[in-house]
Amino acid sequence: MRAKLGVLIAATLLVAAVPILAHHSIAAEFDSTKTVTVTGTVTKLDWMNPHIWVYLDAKDASGKITKWQFEGGPPNSLRRNGWTKDALKEGDMVTVEAIRAKDPVNAQGVYIGNARNVTLPGGKKVFSGSAEDGGKQQ
């Protein structure tokens, strides 16, 4: 009886944990028809699972500084695509090709995108997406 109760509790906990492990769809948050190319200075890099985030300060058409944050793929995928967190540092000038978020500006006034490609300092262009993108540079 105790063994059955233990199995039932374990199964219930496992089923309850599945939504926590679920991964969001790119299409749920980003609009693939709205592309953007942004050149700016790296202000921060969060290189951690499940996705990296690259933060930039970029000038808009009027010369005003705008803040951007770009989601990238998982660190392991990016390493396999030829880049590591050491390839990008605060102060580096980069160009990011991305798709815009469906809600393109957050409450802090920061523009949001999902990076497809990043041109690193020195001109090397690296794919920054995830397996949902087919794992190929676009």
C-alpha atoms as a PDB file:
ATOM      1  CA  MET A   1       0.000   0.000   0.000  1.00  0.00           C
ATOM      2  CA  ARG A   2       2.802   2.421   0.904  1.00  0.00           C
ATOM      3  CA  ALA A   3       4.670   1.553  -2.300  1.00  0.00           C
ATOM      4  CA  LYS A   4       1.588   2.300  -4.409  1.00  0.00           C
ATOM      5  CA  LEU A   5       1.101   5.619  -2.604  1.00  0.00           C
ATOM      6  CA  GLY A   6       4.770   6.491  -3.193  1.00  0.00           C
ATOM      7  CA  VAL A   7       4.474   5.704  -6.907  1.00  0.00           C
ATOM      8  CA  LEU A   8       1.277   7.759  -7.144  1.00  0.00           C
ATOM      9  CA  ILE A   9       2.913  10.758  -5.461  1.00  0.00           C
ATOM     10  CA  ALA A  10       6.013  10.488  -7.676  1.00  0.00           C
ATOM     11  CA  ALA A  11       3.891  10.254 -10.829  1.00  0.00           C
ATOM     12  CA  THR A  12       1.802  13.261  -9.740  1.00  0.00           C
ATOM     13  CA  LEU A  13       4.914  15.347  -9.114  1.00  0.00           C
ATOM     14  CA  LEU A  14       6.374  14.347 -12.472  1.00  0.00           C
ATOM     15  CA  VAL A  15       3.209  15.313 -14.339  1.00  0.00           C
ATOM     16  CA  ALA A  16       3.024  18.609 -12.442  1.00  0.00           C
ATOM     17  CA  ALA A  17       6.641  19.405 -13.392  1.00  0.00           C
ATOM     18  CA  VAL A  18       6.159  18.962 -17.152  1.00  0.00           C
ATOM     19  CA  PRO A  19       4.795  22.504 -17.744  1.00  0.00           C
ATOM     20  CA  ILE A  20       7.825  23.933 -15.971  1.00  0.00           C
ATOM     21  CA  LEU A  21      10.101  22.188 -18.460  1.00  0.00           C
ATOM     22  CA  ALA A  22       8.072  23.254 -21.494  1.00  0.00           C
ATOM     23  CA  HIS A  23       9.846  25.538 -23.958  1.00  0.00           C
ATOM     24  CA  HIS A  24       8.221  28.554 -25.517  1.00  0.00           C
ATOM     25  CA  SER A  25       7.720  28.802 -29.248  1.00  0.00           C
ATOM     26  CA  ILE A  26       9.516  31.604 -31.075  1.00  0.00           C
ATOM     27  CA  ALA A  27       6.267  32.296 -32.956  1.00  0.00           C
ATOM     28  CA  ALA A  28       4.446  32.870 -29.661  1.00  0.00           C
ATOM     29  CA  GLU A  29       6.638  35.853 -28.758  1.00  0.00           C
ATOM     30  CA  PHE A  30       8.186  37.097 -31.996  1.00  0.00           C
ATOM     31  CA  ASP A  31       6.871  38.160 -35.416  1.00  0.00           C
ATOM     32  CA  SER A  32       9.005  36.609 -38.173  1.00  0.00           C
ATOM     33  CA  THR A  33       7.610  39.105 -40.720  1.00  0.00           C
ATOM     34  CA  LYS A  34       9.102  42.078 -38.849  1.00  0.00           C
ATOM     35  CA  THR A  35      12.849  41.989 -39.314  1.00  0.00           C
ATOM     36  CA  VAL A  36      15.311  44.546 -38.029  1.00  0.00           C
ATOM     37  CA  THR A  37      19.043  45.145 -38.314  1.00  0.00           C
ATOM     38  CA  VAL A  38      20.582  47.049 -35.408  1.00  0.00           C
ATOM     39  CA  THR A  39      24.169  48.201 -34.985  1.00  0.00           C
ATOM     40  CA  GLY A  40      25.165  49.230 -31.509  1.00  0.00           C
ATOM     41  CA  THR A  41      27.440  48.919 -28.524  1.00  0.00           C
ATOM     42  CA  VAL A  42      27.177  45.894 -26.254  1.00  0.00           C
ATOM     43  CA  THR A  43      26.183  46.998 -22.749  1.00  0.00           C
ATOM     44  CA  LYS A  44      25.618  43.556 -21.249  1.00  0.00           C
ATOM     45  CA  LEU A  45      25.732  39.868 -22.153  1.00  0.00           C
ATOM     46  CA  ASP A  46      23.799  37.183 -20.257  1.00  0.00           C
ATOM     47  CA  TRP A  47      25.342  33.895 -21.424  1.00  0.00           C
ATOM     48  CA  MET A  48      23.185  31.333 -19.673  1.00  0.00           C
ATOM     49  CA  ASN A  49      20.553  28.683 -20.289  1.00  0.00           C
ATOM     50  CA  PRO A  50      17.994  28.443 -21.670  1.00  0.00           C
ATOM     51  CA  HIS A  51      18.940  31.383 -23.988  1.00  0.00           C
ATOM     52  CA  ILE A  52      21.568  34.066 -24.088  1.00  0.00           C
ATOM     53  CA  TRP A  53      20.593  37.740 -24.090  1.00  0.00           C
ATOM     54  CA  VAL A  54      22.630  40.502 -25.742  1.00  0.00           C
ATOM     55  CA  TYR A  55      21.931  44.086 -24.681  1.00  0.00           C
ATOM     56  CA  LEU A  56      22.838  47.010 -26.956  1.00  0.00           C
ATOM     57  CA  ASP A  57      22.741  50.783 -27.034  1.00  0.00           C
ATOM     58  CA  ALA A  58      22.084  51.914 -30.612  1.00  0.00           C
ATOM     59  CA  LYS A  59      21.397  55.272 -32.234  1.00  0.00           C
ATOM     60  CA  ASP A  60      18.071  55.747 -33.985  1.00  0.00           C
ATOM     61  CA  ALA A  61      17.590  57.854 -37.150  1.00  0.00           C
ATOM     62  CA  SER A  62      17.555  61.078 -35.103  1.00  0.00           C
ATOM     63  CA  GLY A  63      20.762  60.164 -33.245  1.00  0.00           C
ATOM     64  CA  LYS A  64      18.964  59.352 -29.977  1.00  0.00           C
ATOM     65  CA  ILE A  65      20.272  56.320 -28.050  1.00  0.00           C
ATOM     66  CA  THR A  66      17.789  53.435 -27.942  1.00  0.00           C
ATOM     67  CA  LYS A  67      18.168  50.361 -25.778  1.00  0.00           C
ATOM     68  CA  TRP A  68      17.735  46.880 -27.282  1.00  0.00           C
ATOM     69  CA  GLN A  69      17.769  43.365 -25.897  1.00  0.00           C
ATOM     70  CA  PHE A  70      18.102  40.358 -28.179  1.00  0.00           C
ATOM     71  CA  GLU A  71      17.394  36.770 -27.266  1.00  0.00           C
ATOM     72  CA  GLY A  72      19.728  34.218 -28.807  1.00  0.00           C
ATOM     73  CA  GLY A  73      19.937  30.465 -28.836  1.00  0.00           C
ATOM     74  CA  PRO A  74      21.163  28.210 -26.036  1.00  0.00           C
ATOM     75  CA  PRO A  75      24.869  28.551 -25.169  1.00  0.00           C
ATOM     76  CA  ASN A  76      25.708  24.987 -26.280  1.00  0.00           C
ATOM     77  CA  SER A  77      24.128  25.530 -29.703  1.00  0.00           C
ATOM     78  CA  LEU A  78      25.971  28.803 -30.123  1.00  0.00           C
ATOM     79  CA  ARG A  79      29.297  27.170 -29.262  1.00  0.00           C
ATOM     80  CA  ARG A  80      28.618  24.563 -31.956  1.00  0.00           C
ATOM     81  CA  ASN A  81      27.907  27.438 -34.361  1.00  0.00           C
ATOM     82  CA  GLY A  82      31.340  28.925 -33.721  1.00  0.00           C
ATOM     83  CA  TRP A  83      31.108  31.457 -30.942  1.00  0.00           C
ATOM     84  CA  THR A  84      31.488  31.758 -27.198  1.00  0.00           C
ATOM     85  CA  LYS A  85      30.775  34.443 -24.637  1.00  0.00           C
ATOM     86  CA  ASP A  86      34.427  35.494 -24.862  1.00  0.00           C
ATOM     87  CA  ALA A  87      33.866  36.601 -28.473  1.00  0.00           C
ATOM     88  CA  LEU A  88      31.602  39.430 -27.266  1.00  0.00           C
ATOM     89  CA  LYS A  89      32.367  41.958 -24.520  1.00  0.00           C
ATOM     90  CA  GLU A  90      30.859  45.139 -23.118  1.00  0.00           C
ATOM     91  CA  GLY A  91      31.852  48.025 -25.339  1.00  0.00           C
ATOM     92  CA  ASP A  92      32.073  45.940 -28.529  1.00  0.00           C
ATOM     93  CA  MET A  93      30.302  47.269 -31.608  1.00  0.00           C
ATOM     94  CA  VAL A  94      28.116  44.601 -33.227  1.00  0.00           C
ATOM     95  CA  THR A  95      25.352  44.293 -35.798  1.00  0.00           C
ATOM     96  CA  VAL A  96      22.353  42.114 -34.983  1.00  0.00           C
ATOM     97  CA  GLU A  97      19.887  40.828 -37.587  1.00  0.00           C
ATOM     98  CA  ALA A  98      16.702  39.903 -35.750  1.00  0.00           C
ATOM     99  CA  ILE A  99      12.962  39.564 -35.736  1.00  0.00           C
ATOM    100  CA  ARG A 100      10.934  41.914 -33.557  1.00  0.00           C
ATOM    101  CA  ALA A 101       8.902  40.862 -30.556  1.00  0.00           C
ATOM    102  CA  LYS A 102       5.131  40.988 -30.949  1.00  0.00           C
ATOM    103  CA  ASP A 103       5.239  43.486 -28.068  1.00  0.00           C
ATOM    104  CA  PRO A 104       8.318  45.317 -29.414  1.00  0.00           C
ATOM    105  CA  VAL A 105       8.982  47.562 -26.398  1.00  0.00           C
ATOM    106  CA  ASN A 106       8.908  46.473 -22.756  1.00  0.00           C
ATOM    107  CA  ALA A 107       7.727  48.540 -19.777  1.00  0.00           C
ATOM    108  CA  GLN A 108      11.215  50.042 -19.391  1.00  0.00           C
ATOM    109  CA  GLY A 109      11.212  51.318 -22.984  1.00  0.00           C
ATOM    110  CA  VAL A 110      13.676  48.679 -24.208  1.00  0.00           C
ATOM    111  CA  TYR A 111      13.175  47.267 -27.718  1.00  0.00           C
ATOM    112  CA  ILE A 112      13.091  43.465 -27.901  1.00  0.00           C
ATOM    113  CA  GLY A 113      14.112  41.081 -30.658  1.00  0.00           C
ATOM    114  CA  ASN A 114      15.156  37.510 -31.343  1.00  0.00           C
ATOM    115  CA  ALA A 115      18.617  37.460 -32.910  1.00  0.00           C
ATOM    116  CA  ARG A 116      19.143  35.468 -36.123  1.00  0.00           C
ATOM    117  CA  ASN A 117      22.709  36.538 -36.907  1.00  0.00           C
ATOM    118  CA  VAL A 118      25.296  38.628 -35.099  1.00  0.00           C
ATOM    119  CA  THR A 119      28.270  40.253 -36.787  1.00  0.00           C
ATOM    120  CA  LEU A 120      30.998  40.177 -34.156  1.00  0.00           C
ATOM    121  CA  PRO A 121      33.852  42.664 -33.833  1.00  0.00           C
ATOM    122  CA  GLY A 122      36.300  41.882 -36.617  1.00  0.00           C
ATOM    123  CA  GLY A 123      33.488  41.101 -39.065  1.00  0.00           C
ATOM    124  CA  LYS A 124      32.790  37.432 -38.332  1.00  0.00           C
ATOM    125  CA  LYS A 125      29.060  36.729 -38.817  1.00  0.00           C
ATOM    126  CA  VAL A 126      27.661  34.008 -36.571  1.00  0.00           C
ATOM    127  CA  PHE A 127      24.272  32.338 -36.429  1.00  0.00           C
ATOM    128  CA  SER A 128      22.654  33.095 -33.094  1.00  0.00           C
ATOM    129  CA  GLY A 129      19.347  31.248 -33.325  1.00  0.00           C
ATOM    130  CA  SER A 130      18.160  27.967 -31.953  1.00  0.00           C
ATOM    131  CA  ALA A 131      17.010  24.573 -33.211  1.00  0.00           C
ATOM    132  CA  GLU A 132      13.563  26.085 -33.864  1.00  0.00           C
ATOM    133  CA  ASP A 133      15.222  28.051 -36.661  1.00  0.00           C
ATOM    134  CA  GLY A 134      16.337  24.837 -38.289  1.00  0.00           C
ATOM    135  CA  GLY A 135      19.834  25.291 -36.860  1.00  0.00           C
ATOM    136  CA  LYS A 136      21.007  27.081 -39.987  1.00  0.00           C
ATOM    137  CA  GLN A 137      22.241  30.574 -40.662  1.00  0.00           C
ATOM    138  CA  GLN A 138      19.618  32.641 -42.432  1.00  0.00           C
END
